[in-house]
Amino acid sequence: MAKKKAAATPDAKPTKVQANGAAKKSNGAAKKPAPPKRSFDNSEIGLVAGEVWQTLESGGEQTLTKVKKSVEAPGDLVTAAVGWLARENKLRFVQSGRTTKVTLQ
């Protein structure tokens, strides 16, 4: 008796071979497009730098996480503003164990 070859069905999912040689079935779902990259301009960073300054002036020494929670702006924009102020020698960073705190000069 001759063995019959199975006919390919249109709903069969393609298989991918992983590095370890095992086959992995694709779910056929398309990848989500990456979100658009956001760029900040100097005026936006400068405004948030002012908010960071006021937060540190009123609250004193704080962790960067606490500053990010206090300022109403995206975290990466707050980080850019802290960098702006640090570049202008307006901030001092105090290391205590594994924690770094930010304070005004």
N, C-alpha and C. Protein backbone atom coordinates (compact mmCIF):
# COMPACT_ATOMS: atom_id res chain seq x y z
N MET A 1 0.82 -1.17 0.00
CA MET A 1 0.00 0.00 0.00
C MET A 1 0.87 1.24 0.00
N ALA A 2 0.51 2.19 -0.84
CA ALA A 2 1.23 3.46 -0.91
C ALA A 2 0.62 4.43 0.07
N LYS A 3 1.47 5.20 0.74
CA LYS A 3 0.96 6.21 1.68
C LYS A 3 0.54 7.43 0.90
N LYS A 4 -0.60 7.99 1.27
CA LYS A 4 -1.10 9.20 0.63
C LYS A 4 -0.54 10.41 1.35
N LYS A 5 -0.19 11.41 0.57
CA LYS A 5 0.30 12.66 1.12
C LYS A 5 -0.89 13.52 1.52
N ALA A 6 -0.86 14.11 2.68
CA ALA A 6 -1.96 14.95 3.14
C ALA A 6 -1.97 16.24 2.33
N ALA A 7 -3.13 16.65 1.87
CA ALA A 7 -3.26 17.89 1.11
C ALA A 7 -3.19 19.07 2.07
N ALA A 8 -2.53 20.12 1.62
CA ALA A 8 -2.43 21.33 2.44
C ALA A 8 -3.78 22.00 2.50
N THR A 9 -4.18 22.37 3.69
CA THR A 9 -5.46 23.05 3.84
C THR A 9 -5.22 24.55 3.87
N PRO A 10 -6.15 25.35 3.35
CA PRO A 10 -5.93 26.80 3.31
C PRO A 10 -5.86 27.44 4.69
N ASP A 11 -6.45 26.82 5.71
CA ASP A 11 -6.43 27.41 7.04
C ASP A 11 -5.25 26.92 7.88
N ALA A 12 -4.34 26.18 7.27
CA ALA A 12 -3.16 25.72 8.01
C ALA A 12 -2.27 26.91 8.32
N LYS A 13 -1.75 26.93 9.54
CA LYS A 13 -0.90 28.03 9.97
C LYS A 13 0.55 27.69 9.68
N PRO A 14 1.32 28.66 9.20
CA PRO A 14 2.74 28.38 8.92
C PRO A 14 3.49 28.15 10.22
N THR A 15 4.52 27.33 10.14
CA THR A 15 5.33 27.07 11.33
C THR A 15 6.66 27.79 11.20
N LYS A 16 7.17 28.20 12.33
CA LYS A 16 8.48 28.83 12.38
C LYS A 16 9.38 27.92 13.20
N VAL A 17 10.62 27.81 12.81
CA VAL A 17 11.57 26.98 13.55
C VAL A 17 12.34 27.88 14.50
N GLN A 18 12.31 27.55 15.77
CA GLN A 18 13.02 28.31 16.78
C GLN A 18 14.48 27.88 16.81
N ALA A 19 15.30 28.63 17.51
CA ALA A 19 16.73 28.36 17.59
C ALA A 19 17.03 26.97 18.12
N ASN A 20 16.18 26.46 19.02
CA ASN A 20 16.43 25.14 19.59
C ASN A 20 15.91 24.01 18.70
N GLY A 21 15.38 24.34 17.52
CA GLY A 21 14.91 23.34 16.58
C GLY A 21 13.44 23.01 16.71
N ALA A 22 12.78 23.51 17.74
CA ALA A 22 11.36 23.23 17.93
C ALA A 22 10.54 24.11 16.99
N ALA A 23 9.44 23.58 16.52
CA ALA A 23 8.57 24.34 15.63
C ALA A 23 7.56 25.12 16.45
N LYS A 24 7.28 26.35 16.03
CA LYS A 24 6.32 27.20 16.72
C LYS A 24 5.31 27.67 15.69
N LYS A 25 4.04 27.50 15.99
CA LYS A 25 3.01 27.94 15.06
C LYS A 25 2.78 29.43 15.20
N SER A 26 2.60 30.07 14.06
CA SER A 26 2.31 31.50 14.04
C SER A 26 0.82 31.69 14.21
N ASN A 27 0.41 32.70 14.99
CA ASN A 27 -1.01 32.92 15.17
C ASN A 27 -1.59 33.78 14.06
N GLY A 28 -0.76 34.23 13.15
CA GLY A 28 -1.23 35.00 12.01
C GLY A 28 -1.56 36.45 12.31
N ALA A 29 -1.44 36.86 13.57
CA ALA A 29 -1.78 38.24 13.93
C ALA A 29 -0.66 39.17 13.47
N ALA A 30 -1.05 40.30 12.96
CA ALA A 30 -0.06 41.29 12.52
C ALA A 30 0.51 42.00 13.74
N LYS A 31 1.79 42.39 13.64
CA LYS A 31 2.42 43.13 14.73
C LYS A 31 1.85 44.53 14.77
N LYS A 32 1.74 45.06 15.99
CA LYS A 32 1.29 46.44 16.15
C LYS A 32 2.39 47.38 15.69
N PRO A 33 2.02 48.44 15.01
CA PRO A 33 3.06 49.40 14.63
C PRO A 33 3.58 50.12 15.88
N ALA A 34 4.84 50.47 15.84
CA ALA A 34 5.45 51.16 16.98
C ALA A 34 4.82 52.53 17.12
N PRO A 35 4.63 52.99 18.36
CA PRO A 35 4.07 54.33 18.54
C PRO A 35 5.03 55.37 17.98
N PRO A 36 4.48 56.48 17.51
CA PRO A 36 5.38 57.50 16.95
C PRO A 36 6.34 58.02 18.00
N LYS A 37 7.56 58.31 17.58
CA LYS A 37 8.55 58.83 18.51
C LYS A 37 8.23 60.28 18.81
N ARG A 38 8.37 60.64 20.08
CA ARG A 38 8.06 61.99 20.51
C ARG A 38 9.34 62.76 20.67
N SER A 39 9.34 63.99 20.21
CA SER A 39 10.51 64.83 20.42
C SER A 39 10.08 66.06 21.21
N PHE A 40 10.97 66.53 22.03
CA PHE A 40 10.69 67.69 22.87
C PHE A 40 11.48 68.87 22.33
N ASP A 41 10.88 70.04 22.40
CA ASP A 41 11.64 71.23 22.02
C ASP A 41 12.14 71.92 23.30
N ASN A 42 13.09 72.82 23.12
CA ASN A 42 13.72 73.46 24.27
C ASN A 42 12.74 74.23 25.14
N SER A 43 11.74 74.84 24.53
CA SER A 43 10.79 75.62 25.34
C SER A 43 9.96 74.70 26.24
N GLU A 44 9.60 73.54 25.73
CA GLU A 44 8.83 72.59 26.53
C GLU A 44 9.67 72.07 27.70
N ILE A 45 10.92 71.72 27.43
CA ILE A 45 11.81 71.24 28.49
C ILE A 45 12.05 72.36 29.50
N GLY A 46 12.21 73.59 29.02
CA GLY A 46 12.43 74.73 29.91
C GLY A 46 11.26 74.97 30.84
N LEU A 47 10.04 74.85 30.32
CA LEU A 47 8.85 75.03 31.18
C LEU A 47 8.79 73.97 32.27
N VAL A 48 9.06 72.73 31.89
CA VAL A 48 9.04 71.65 32.89
C VAL A 48 10.20 71.81 33.86
N ALA A 49 11.33 72.34 33.40
CA ALA A 49 12.46 72.59 34.30
C ALA A 49 12.05 73.59 35.38
N GLY A 50 11.23 74.57 35.01
CA GLY A 50 10.71 75.51 36.00
C GLY A 50 9.83 74.83 37.03
N GLU A 51 9.01 73.88 36.58
CA GLU A 51 8.17 73.12 37.50
C GLU A 51 9.01 72.25 38.43
N VAL A 52 10.06 71.64 37.88
CA VAL A 52 10.96 70.82 38.69
C VAL A 52 11.62 71.70 39.75
N TRP A 53 12.07 72.88 39.33
CA TRP A 53 12.72 73.83 40.26
C TRP A 53 11.77 74.16 41.41
N GLN A 54 10.51 74.51 41.07
CA GLN A 54 9.53 74.87 42.10
C GLN A 54 9.24 73.70 43.03
N THR A 55 9.18 72.50 42.48
CA THR A 55 8.94 71.30 43.29
C THR A 55 10.07 71.09 44.29
N LEU A 56 11.31 71.25 43.82
CA LEU A 56 12.45 71.07 44.71
C LEU A 56 12.59 72.21 45.71
N GLU A 57 12.20 73.41 45.29
CA GLU A 57 12.27 74.56 46.20
C GLU A 57 11.28 74.41 47.35
N SER A 58 10.08 73.93 47.03
CA SER A 58 9.06 73.80 48.08
C SER A 58 9.19 72.50 48.87
N GLY A 59 9.64 71.42 48.20
CA GLY A 59 9.69 70.12 48.87
C GLY A 59 11.05 69.70 49.34
N GLY A 60 12.09 70.43 48.97
CA GLY A 60 13.43 70.06 49.39
C GLY A 60 13.95 68.84 48.65
N GLU A 61 14.93 68.20 49.24
CA GLU A 61 15.59 67.04 48.64
C GLU A 61 14.59 65.91 48.39
N GLN A 62 14.59 65.37 47.15
CA GLN A 62 13.65 64.32 46.77
C GLN A 62 14.31 63.34 45.82
N THR A 63 13.75 62.15 45.76
CA THR A 63 14.20 61.19 44.76
C THR A 63 13.65 61.62 43.40
N LEU A 64 14.26 61.15 42.34
CA LEU A 64 13.79 61.47 40.99
C LEU A 64 12.38 60.92 40.78
N THR A 65 12.09 59.78 41.36
CA THR A 65 10.76 59.19 41.25
C THR A 65 9.71 60.11 41.87
N LYS A 66 10.02 60.67 43.02
CA LYS A 66 9.08 61.57 43.69
C LYS A 66 8.90 62.86 42.89
N VAL A 67 9.99 63.35 42.30
CA VAL A 67 9.89 64.55 41.46
C VAL A 67 8.99 64.27 40.26
N LYS A 68 9.17 63.10 39.63
CA LYS A 68 8.34 62.74 38.47
C LYS A 68 6.86 62.67 38.85
N LYS A 69 6.56 62.20 40.05
CA LYS A 69 5.17 62.11 40.49
C LYS A 69 4.60 63.48 40.82
N SER A 70 5.44 64.40 41.26
CA SER A 70 4.98 65.73 41.66
C SER A 70 4.74 66.65 40.48
N VAL A 71 5.52 66.49 39.42
CA VAL A 71 5.41 67.37 38.25
C VAL A 71 4.43 66.74 37.26
N GLU A 72 3.50 67.55 36.79
CA GLU A 72 2.50 67.05 35.85
C GLU A 72 3.02 67.12 34.42
N ALA A 73 3.87 66.15 34.08
CA ALA A 73 4.45 66.05 32.74
C ALA A 73 4.90 64.60 32.56
N PRO A 74 5.06 64.15 31.31
CA PRO A 74 5.56 62.78 31.09
C PRO A 74 6.93 62.59 31.75
N GLY A 75 7.17 61.38 32.25
CA GLY A 75 8.40 61.08 32.97
C GLY A 75 9.66 61.38 32.19
N ASP A 76 9.66 61.08 30.88
CA ASP A 76 10.87 61.33 30.10
C ASP A 76 11.12 62.83 29.92
N LEU A 77 10.06 63.62 29.92
CA LEU A 77 10.21 65.07 29.83
C LEU A 77 10.76 65.63 31.14
N VAL A 78 10.31 65.07 32.26
CA VAL A 78 10.83 65.49 33.57
C VAL A 78 12.32 65.13 33.67
N THR A 79 12.69 63.97 33.18
CA THR A 79 14.09 63.56 33.19
C THR A 79 14.93 64.52 32.34
N ALA A 80 14.41 64.92 31.18
CA ALA A 80 15.12 65.89 30.33
C ALA A 80 15.27 67.22 31.06
N ALA A 81 14.23 67.63 31.77
CA ALA A 81 14.28 68.90 32.52
C ALA A 81 15.30 68.83 33.65
N VAL A 82 15.38 67.70 34.32
CA VAL A 82 16.38 67.52 35.38
C VAL A 82 17.77 67.60 34.76
N GLY A 83 17.96 66.99 33.60
CA GLY A 83 19.24 67.07 32.90
C GLY A 83 19.59 68.50 32.52
N TRP A 84 18.58 69.25 32.10
CA TRP A 84 18.76 70.67 31.74
C TRP A 84 19.28 71.45 32.94
N LEU A 85 18.59 71.27 34.07
CA LEU A 85 18.99 71.98 35.29
C LEU A 85 20.36 71.53 35.78
N ALA A 86 20.66 70.24 35.65
CA ALA A 86 21.96 69.73 36.08
C ALA A 86 23.07 70.31 35.20
N ARG A 87 22.80 70.43 33.91
CA ARG A 87 23.81 70.99 32.99
C ARG A 87 24.10 72.45 33.33
N GLU A 88 23.11 73.15 33.85
CA GLU A 88 23.30 74.55 34.26
C GLU A 88 23.82 74.67 35.69
N ASN A 89 24.23 73.55 36.29
CA ASN A 89 24.74 73.51 37.67
C ASN A 89 23.74 74.05 38.68
N LYS A 90 22.46 73.78 38.46
CA LYS A 90 21.40 74.23 39.38
C LYS A 90 21.04 73.14 40.39
N LEU A 91 21.46 71.89 40.13
CA LEU A 91 21.08 70.77 40.99
C LEU A 91 22.31 70.11 41.59
N ARG A 92 22.05 69.45 42.70
CA ARG A 92 23.06 68.63 43.36
C ARG A 92 22.45 67.26 43.57
N PHE A 93 23.19 66.22 43.30
CA PHE A 93 22.73 64.85 43.46
C PHE A 93 23.41 64.25 44.68
N VAL A 94 22.61 63.75 45.62
CA VAL A 94 23.11 63.21 46.88
C VAL A 94 22.87 61.70 46.88
N GLN A 95 23.95 60.94 47.02
CA GLN A 95 23.86 59.48 47.03
C GLN A 95 23.78 59.00 48.47
N SER A 96 22.76 58.19 48.76
CA SER A 96 22.60 57.61 50.09
C SER A 96 22.31 56.12 49.89
N GLY A 97 23.34 55.30 50.02
CA GLY A 97 23.18 53.86 49.76
C GLY A 97 22.90 53.65 48.28
N ARG A 98 21.77 53.01 47.98
CA ARG A 98 21.40 52.79 46.59
C ARG A 98 20.45 53.85 46.05
N THR A 99 20.12 54.83 46.89
CA THR A 99 19.17 55.86 46.52
C THR A 99 19.90 57.16 46.16
N THR A 100 19.47 57.79 45.08
CA THR A 100 20.00 59.10 44.70
C THR A 100 18.89 60.11 44.84
N LYS A 101 19.20 61.19 45.56
CA LYS A 101 18.23 62.26 45.74
C LYS A 101 18.72 63.51 45.03
N VAL A 102 17.78 64.34 44.61
CA VAL A 102 18.08 65.57 43.90
C VAL A 102 17.70 66.74 44.80
N THR A 103 18.55 67.76 44.80
CA THR A 103 18.27 68.97 45.56
C THR A 103 18.82 70.17 44.79
N LEU A 104 18.35 71.35 45.14
CA LEU A 104 18.86 72.57 44.50
C LEU A 104 20.24 72.89 45.05
N GLN A 105 21.08 73.52 44.23
CA GLN A 105 22.42 73.94 44.65
C GLN A 105 22.32 75.08 45.66
